[in-house]
Amino acid sequence: MRALSALGRFLYEFVVGDDWTIAAGVVVALAITYGLAHSGVTVWWLLPLVVAGGLSASLVRATRRSER
């Protein structure tokens, strides 16, 4: 049971890390991409756009916090 708990903590830290909004954005983008791809729309560009936007927003928030 201890190993399962350690695995859960590791996965949480690996996926969520310091900023949960990036992980949530990627999950939402994956769901939207899945839905649109199954309806016949070409959406290969959506995930890189969401990741770049999420990282940019995360960097802006981090630098604002460090400037205070």
PDB file of N, CA and C in Angstrom:
ATOM      1  N   MET A   1       0.826  -1.190   0.000  1.00  0.00           N
ATOM      2  CA  MET A   1       0.000   0.000   0.000  1.00  0.00           C
ATOM      3  C   MET A   1       0.872   1.258   0.000  1.00  0.00           C
ATOM      4  N   ARG A   2       2.027   1.182   0.667  1.00  0.00           N
ATOM      5  CA  ARG A   2       2.916   2.339   0.719  1.00  0.00           C
ATOM      6  C   ARG A   2       3.448   2.681  -0.674  1.00  0.00           C
ATOM      7  N   ALA A   3       3.731   1.638  -1.464  1.00  0.00           N
ATOM      8  CA  ALA A   3       4.238   1.853  -2.820  1.00  0.00           C
ATOM      9  C   ALA A   3       3.182   2.517  -3.698  1.00  0.00           C
ATOM     10  N   LEU A   4       1.931   2.130  -3.530  1.00  0.00           N
ATOM     11  CA  LEU A   4       0.845   2.738  -4.296  1.00  0.00           C
ATOM     12  C   LEU A   4       0.674   4.209  -3.925  1.00  0.00           C
ATOM     13  N   SER A   5       0.792   4.511  -2.654  1.00  0.00           N
ATOM     14  CA  SER A   5       0.699   5.892  -2.194  1.00  0.00           C
ATOM     15  C   SER A   5       1.861   6.724  -2.738  1.00  0.00           C
ATOM     16  N   ALA A   6       3.054   6.157  -2.728  1.00  0.00           N
ATOM     17  CA  ALA A   6       4.224   6.858  -3.263  1.00  0.00           C
ATOM     18  C   ALA A   6       4.078   7.096  -4.759  1.00  0.00           C
ATOM     19  N   LEU A   7       3.540   6.122  -5.469  1.00  0.00           N
ATOM     20  CA  LEU A   7       3.312   6.286  -6.903  1.00  0.00           C
ATOM     21  C   LEU A   7       2.299   7.402  -7.164  1.00  0.00           C
ATOM     22  N   GLY A   8       1.246   7.449  -6.372  1.00  0.00           N
ATOM     23  CA  GLY A   8       0.249   8.507  -6.526  1.00  0.00           C
ATOM     24  C   GLY A   8       0.837   9.883  -6.282  1.00  0.00           C
ATOM     25  N   ARG A   9       1.656  10.017  -5.241  1.00  0.00           N
ATOM     26  CA  ARG A   9       2.296  11.313  -4.966  1.00  0.00           C
ATOM     27  C   ARG A   9       3.247  11.704  -6.082  1.00  0.00           C
ATOM     28  N   PHE A  10       4.008  10.721  -6.596  1.00  0.00           N
ATOM     29  CA  PHE A  10       4.926  10.996  -7.694  1.00  0.00           C
ATOM     30  C   PHE A  10       4.167  11.473  -8.934  1.00  0.00           C
ATOM     31  N   LEU A  11       3.109  10.753  -9.299  1.00  0.00           N
ATOM     32  CA  LEU A  11       2.350  11.126 -10.493  1.00  0.00           C
ATOM     33  C   LEU A  11       1.722  12.509 -10.346  1.00  0.00           C
ATOM     34  N   TYR A  12       1.220  12.818  -9.155  1.00  0.00           N
ATOM     35  CA  TYR A  12       0.650  14.145  -8.928  1.00  0.00           C
ATOM     36  C   TYR A  12       1.715  15.229  -9.115  1.00  0.00           C
ATOM     37  N   GLU A  13       2.876  15.050  -8.506  1.00  0.00           N
ATOM     38  CA  GLU A  13       3.949  16.031  -8.635  1.00  0.00           C
ATOM     39  C   GLU A  13       4.468  16.116 -10.073  1.00  0.00           C
ATOM     40  N   PHE A  14       4.520  14.983 -10.771  1.00  0.00           N
ATOM     41  CA  PHE A  14       5.018  14.973 -12.140  1.00  0.00           C
ATOM     42  C   PHE A  14       4.047  15.661 -13.089  1.00  0.00           C
ATOM     43  N   VAL A  15       2.760  15.378 -12.953  1.00  0.00           N
ATOM     44  CA  VAL A  15       1.771  15.927 -13.883  1.00  0.00           C
ATOM     45  C   VAL A  15       1.390  17.349 -13.500  1.00  0.00           C
ATOM     46  N   VAL A  16       1.069  17.576 -12.255  1.00  0.00           N
ATOM     47  CA  VAL A  16       0.594  18.893 -11.824  1.00  0.00           C
ATOM     48  C   VAL A  16       1.767  19.816 -11.527  1.00  0.00           C
ATOM     49  N   GLY A  17       2.726  19.356 -10.756  1.00  0.00           N
ATOM     50  CA  GLY A  17       3.910  20.161 -10.474  1.00  0.00           C
ATOM     51  C   GLY A  17       3.594  21.423  -9.712  1.00  0.00           C
ATOM     52  N   ASP A  18       4.181  22.525 -10.145  1.00  0.00           N
ATOM     53  CA  ASP A  18       4.020  23.797  -9.452  1.00  0.00           C
ATOM     54  C   ASP A  18       2.771  24.558  -9.878  1.00  0.00           C
ATOM     55  N   ASP A  19       2.285  24.309 -11.074  1.00  0.00           N
ATOM     56  CA  ASP A  19       1.173  25.104 -11.597  1.00  0.00           C
ATOM     57  C   ASP A  19       0.084  24.172 -12.138  1.00  0.00           C
ATOM     58  N   TRP A  20      -0.994  24.039 -11.392  1.00  0.00           N
ATOM     59  CA  TRP A  20      -2.068  23.129 -11.781  1.00  0.00           C
ATOM     60  C   TRP A  20      -2.818  23.632 -13.008  1.00  0.00           C
ATOM     61  N   THR A  21      -2.737  24.927 -13.313  1.00  0.00           N
ATOM     62  CA  THR A  21      -3.489  25.458 -14.445  1.00  0.00           C
ATOM     63  C   THR A  21      -2.956  24.930 -15.776  1.00  0.00           C
ATOM     64  N   ILE A  22      -1.657  24.670 -15.852  1.00  0.00           N
ATOM     65  CA  ILE A  22      -1.099  24.111 -17.088  1.00  0.00           C
ATOM     66  C   ILE A  22      -1.633  22.701 -17.305  1.00  0.00           C
ATOM     67  N   ALA A  23      -1.631  21.901 -16.253  1.00  0.00           N
ATOM     68  CA  ALA A  23      -2.150  20.531 -16.376  1.00  0.00           C
ATOM     69  C   ALA A  23      -3.632  20.544 -16.758  1.00  0.00           C
ATOM     70  N   ALA A  24      -4.404  21.431 -16.145  1.00  0.00           N
ATOM     71  CA  ALA A  24      -5.829  21.514 -16.467  1.00  0.00           C
ATOM     72  C   ALA A  24      -6.032  21.977 -17.909  1.00  0.00           C
ATOM     73  N   GLY A  25      -5.234  22.927 -18.358  1.00  0.00           N
ATOM     74  CA  GLY A  25      -5.339  23.403 -19.741  1.00  0.00           C
ATOM     75  C   GLY A  25      -5.024  22.314 -20.756  1.00  0.00           C
ATOM     76  N   VAL A  26      -4.024  21.508 -20.459  1.00  0.00           N
ATOM     77  CA  VAL A  26      -3.675  20.413 -21.373  1.00  0.00           C
ATOM     78  C   VAL A  26      -4.788  19.375 -21.412  1.00  0.00           C
ATOM     79  N   VAL A  27      -5.371  19.056 -20.275  1.00  0.00           N
ATOM     80  CA  VAL A  27      -6.479  18.086 -20.247  1.00  0.00           C
ATOM     81  C   VAL A  27      -7.666  18.612 -21.054  1.00  0.00           C
ATOM     82  N   VAL A  28      -7.999  19.883 -20.873  1.00  0.00           N
ATOM     83  CA  VAL A  28      -9.111  20.477 -21.631  1.00  0.00           C
ATOM     84  C   VAL A  28      -8.786  20.497 -23.124  1.00  0.00           C
ATOM     85  N   ALA A  29      -7.555  20.862 -23.470  1.00  0.00           N
ATOM     86  CA  ALA A  29      -7.165  20.896 -24.883  1.00  0.00           C
ATOM     87  C   ALA A  29      -7.197  19.509 -25.503  1.00  0.00           C
ATOM     88  N   LEU A  30      -6.772  18.490 -24.747  1.00  0.00           N
ATOM     89  CA  LEU A  30      -6.855  17.123 -25.260  1.00  0.00           C
ATOM     90  C   LEU A  30      -8.297  16.702 -25.502  1.00  0.00           C
ATOM     91  N   ALA A  31      -9.195  17.061 -24.597  1.00  0.00           N
ATOM     92  CA  ALA A  31     -10.604  16.711 -24.766  1.00  0.00           C
ATOM     93  C   ALA A  31     -11.203  17.424 -25.980  1.00  0.00           C
ATOM     94  N   ILE A  32     -10.889  18.689 -26.141  1.00  0.00           N
ATOM     95  CA  ILE A  32     -11.405  19.436 -27.300  1.00  0.00           C
ATOM     96  C   ILE A  32     -10.835  18.873 -28.595  1.00  0.00           C
ATOM     97  N   THR A  33      -9.532  18.584 -28.599  1.00  0.00           N
ATOM     98  CA  THR A  33      -8.899  18.011 -29.783  1.00  0.00           C
ATOM     99  C   THR A  33      -9.526  16.671 -30.145  1.00  0.00           C
ATOM    100  N   TYR A  34      -9.770  15.846 -29.137  1.00  0.00           N
ATOM    101  CA  TYR A  34     -10.400  14.546 -29.374  1.00  0.00           C
ATOM    102  C   TYR A  34     -11.781  14.722 -29.997  1.00  0.00           C
ATOM    103  N   GLY A  35     -12.564  15.605 -29.429  1.00  0.00           N
ATOM    104  CA  GLY A  35     -13.915  15.818 -29.942  1.00  0.00           C
ATOM    105  C   GLY A  35     -13.929  16.357 -31.364  1.00  0.00           C
ATOM    106  N   LEU A  36     -13.082  17.346 -31.613  1.00  0.00           N
ATOM    107  CA  LEU A  36     -13.047  17.934 -32.955  1.00  0.00           C
ATOM    108  C   LEU A  36     -12.462  16.974 -33.986  1.00  0.00           C
ATOM    109  N   ALA A  37     -11.457  16.201 -33.593  1.00  0.00           N
ATOM    110  CA  ALA A  37     -10.850  15.253 -34.535  1.00  0.00           C
ATOM    111  C   ALA A  37     -11.834  14.166 -34.935  1.00  0.00           C
ATOM    112  N   HIS A  38     -12.685  13.741 -34.009  1.00  0.00           N
ATOM    113  CA  HIS A  38     -13.673  12.723 -34.342  1.00  0.00           C
ATOM    114  C   HIS A  38     -14.847  13.283 -35.141  1.00  0.00           C
ATOM    115  N   SER A  39     -14.963  14.594 -35.200  1.00  0.00           N
ATOM    116  CA  SER A  39     -16.005  15.177 -36.037  1.00  0.00           C
ATOM    117  C   SER A  39     -15.469  15.569 -37.414  1.00  0.00           C
ATOM    118  N   GLY A  40     -14.189  15.279 -37.664  1.00  0.00           N
ATOM    119  CA  GLY A  40     -13.634  15.498 -38.992  1.00  0.00           C
ATOM    120  C   GLY A  40     -12.843  16.782 -39.157  1.00  0.00           C
ATOM    121  N   VAL A  41     -12.636  17.536 -38.100  1.00  0.00           N
ATOM    122  CA  VAL A  41     -11.899  18.795 -38.187  1.00  0.00           C
ATOM    123  C   VAL A  41     -10.409  18.517 -37.965  1.00  0.00           C
ATOM    124  N   THR A  42      -9.563  19.182 -38.745  1.00  0.00           N
ATOM    125  CA  THR A  42      -8.120  19.044 -38.572  1.00  0.00           C
ATOM    126  C   THR A  42      -7.669  20.020 -37.489  1.00  0.00           C
ATOM    127  N   VAL A  43      -7.234  19.492 -36.347  1.00  0.00           N
ATOM    128  CA  VAL A  43      -6.883  20.349 -35.212  1.00  0.00           C
ATOM    129  C   VAL A  43      -5.505  20.018 -34.646  1.00  0.00           C
ATOM    130  N   TRP A  44      -4.557  19.644 -35.491  1.00  0.00           N
ATOM    131  CA  TRP A  44      -3.220  19.306 -35.023  1.00  0.00           C
ATOM    132  C   TRP A  44      -2.533  20.503 -34.368  1.00  0.00           C
ATOM    133  N   TRP A  45      -2.924  21.697 -34.721  1.00  0.00           N
ATOM    134  CA  TRP A  45      -2.290  22.915 -34.251  1.00  0.00           C
ATOM    135  C   TRP A  45      -2.769  23.346 -32.858  1.00  0.00           C
ATOM    136  N   LEU A  46      -3.857  22.761 -32.370  1.00  0.00           N
ATOM    137  CA  LEU A  46      -4.451  23.230 -31.118  1.00  0.00           C
ATOM    138  C   LEU A  46      -3.565  22.964 -29.901  1.00  0.00           C
ATOM    139  N   LEU A  47      -3.024  21.761 -29.766  1.00  0.00           N
ATOM    140  CA  LEU A  47      -2.216  21.434 -28.585  1.00  0.00           C
ATOM    141  C   LEU A  47      -0.952  22.282 -28.477  1.00  0.00           C
ATOM    142  N   PRO A  48      -0.162  22.468 -29.550  1.00  0.00           N
ATOM    143  CA  PRO A  48       1.006  23.352 -29.404  1.00  0.00           C
ATOM    144  C   PRO A  48       0.620  24.785 -29.029  1.00  0.00           C
ATOM    145  N   LEU A  49      -0.497  25.248 -29.547  1.00  0.00           N
ATOM    146  CA  LEU A  49      -0.962  26.601 -29.225  1.00  0.00           C
ATOM    147  C   LEU A  49      -1.344  26.715 -27.749  1.00  0.00           C
ATOM    148  N   VAL A  50      -2.059  25.732 -27.237  1.00  0.00           N
ATOM    149  CA  VAL A  50      -2.460  25.737 -25.830  1.00  0.00           C
ATOM    150  C   VAL A  50      -1.246  25.624 -24.915  1.00  0.00           C
ATOM    151  N   VAL A  51      -0.298  24.770 -25.252  1.00  0.00           N
ATOM    152  CA  VAL A  51       0.900  24.613 -24.424  1.00  0.00           C
ATOM    153  C   VAL A  51       1.711  25.910 -24.415  1.00  0.00           C
ATOM    154  N   ALA A  52       1.895  26.519 -25.562  1.00  0.00           N
ATOM    155  CA  ALA A  52       2.645  27.782 -25.617  1.00  0.00           C
ATOM    156  C   ALA A  52       1.933  28.877 -24.830  1.00  0.00           C
ATOM    157  N   GLY A  53       0.624  28.953 -24.965  1.00  0.00           N
ATOM    158  CA  GLY A  53      -0.134  29.948 -24.208  1.00  0.00           C
ATOM    159  C   GLY A  53      -0.100  29.689 -22.715  1.00  0.00           C
ATOM    160  N   GLY A  54      -0.227  28.431 -22.318  1.00  0.00           N
ATOM    161  CA  GLY A  54      -0.178  28.087 -20.903  1.00  0.00           C
ATOM    162  C   GLY A  54       1.172  28.378 -20.280  1.00  0.00           C
ATOM    163  N   LEU A  55       2.244  28.045 -20.997  1.00  0.00           N
ATOM    164  CA  LEU A  55       3.575  28.339 -20.484  1.00  0.00           C
ATOM    165  C   LEU A  55       3.821  29.837 -20.387  1.00  0.00           C
ATOM    166  N   SER A  56       3.352  30.585 -21.370  1.00  0.00           N
ATOM    167  CA  SER A  56       3.507  32.039 -21.328  1.00  0.00           C
ATOM    168  C   SER A  56       2.767  32.632 -20.131  1.00  0.00           C
ATOM    169  N   ALA A  57       1.542  32.199 -19.927  1.00  0.00           N
ATOM    170  CA  ALA A  57       0.761  32.706 -18.800  1.00  0.00           C
ATOM    171  C   ALA A  57       1.399  32.319 -17.469  1.00  0.00           C
ATOM    172  N   SER A  58       1.935  31.119 -17.387  1.00  0.00           N
ATOM    173  CA  SER A  58       2.588  30.672 -16.162  1.00  0.00           C
ATOM    174  C   SER A  58       3.841  31.497 -15.876  1.00  0.00           C
ATOM    175  N   LEU A  59       4.616  31.796 -16.906  1.00  0.00           N
ATOM    176  CA  LEU A  59       5.811  32.617 -16.720  1.00  0.00           C
ATOM    177  C   LEU A  59       5.461  34.033 -16.292  1.00  0.00           C
ATOM    178  N   VAL A  60       4.406  34.593 -16.860  1.00  0.00           N
ATOM    179  CA  VAL A  60       3.977  35.934 -16.466  1.00  0.00           C
ATOM    180  C   VAL A  60       3.569  35.940 -14.996  1.00  0.00           C
ATOM    181  N   ARG A  61       2.793  34.940 -14.563  1.00  0.00           N
ATOM    182  CA  ARG A  61       2.382  34.871 -13.152  1.00  0.00           C
ATOM    183  C   ARG A  61       3.582  34.692 -12.235  1.00  0.00           C
ATOM    184  N   ALA A  62       4.540  33.870 -12.629  1.00  0.00           N
ATOM    185  CA  ALA A  62       5.713  33.613 -11.788  1.00  0.00           C
ATOM    186  C   ALA A  62       6.596  34.852 -11.663  1.00  0.00           C
ATOM    187  N   THR A  63       6.766  35.577 -12.754  1.00  0.00           N
ATOM    188  CA  THR A  63       7.601  36.773 -12.669  1.00  0.00           C
ATOM    189  C   THR A  63       6.919  37.885 -11.889  1.00  0.00           C
ATOM    190  N   ARG A  64       5.611  37.975 -11.968  1.00  0.00           N
ATOM    191  CA  ARG A  64       4.897  38.980 -11.164  1.00  0.00           C
ATOM    192  C   ARG A  64       5.018  38.673  -9.682  1.00  0.00           C
ATOM    193  N   ARG A  65       4.950  37.383  -9.316  1.00  0.00           N
ATOM    194  CA  ARG A  65       5.097  36.994  -7.911  1.00  0.00           C
ATOM    195  C   ARG A  65       6.490  37.277  -7.400  1.00  0.00           C
ATOM    196  N   SER A  66       7.504  37.067  -8.247  1.00  0.00           N
ATOM    197  CA  SER A  66       8.885  37.249  -7.796  1.00  0.00           C
ATOM    198  C   SER A  66       9.254  38.721  -7.693  1.00  0.00           C
ATOM    199  N   GLU A  67       8.543  39.597  -8.405  1.00  0.00           N
ATOM    200  CA  GLU A  67       8.834  41.024  -8.362  1.00  0.00           C
ATOM    201  C   GLU A  67       8.279  41.695  -7.121  1.00  0.00           C
ATOM    202  N   ARG A  68       7.361  41.053  -6.439  1.00  0.00           N
ATOM    203  CA  ARG A  68       6.732  41.668  -5.258  1.00  0.00           C
ATOM    204  C   ARG A  68       7.638  41.686  -4.102  1.00  0.00           C
TER     205      ARG A  68
END
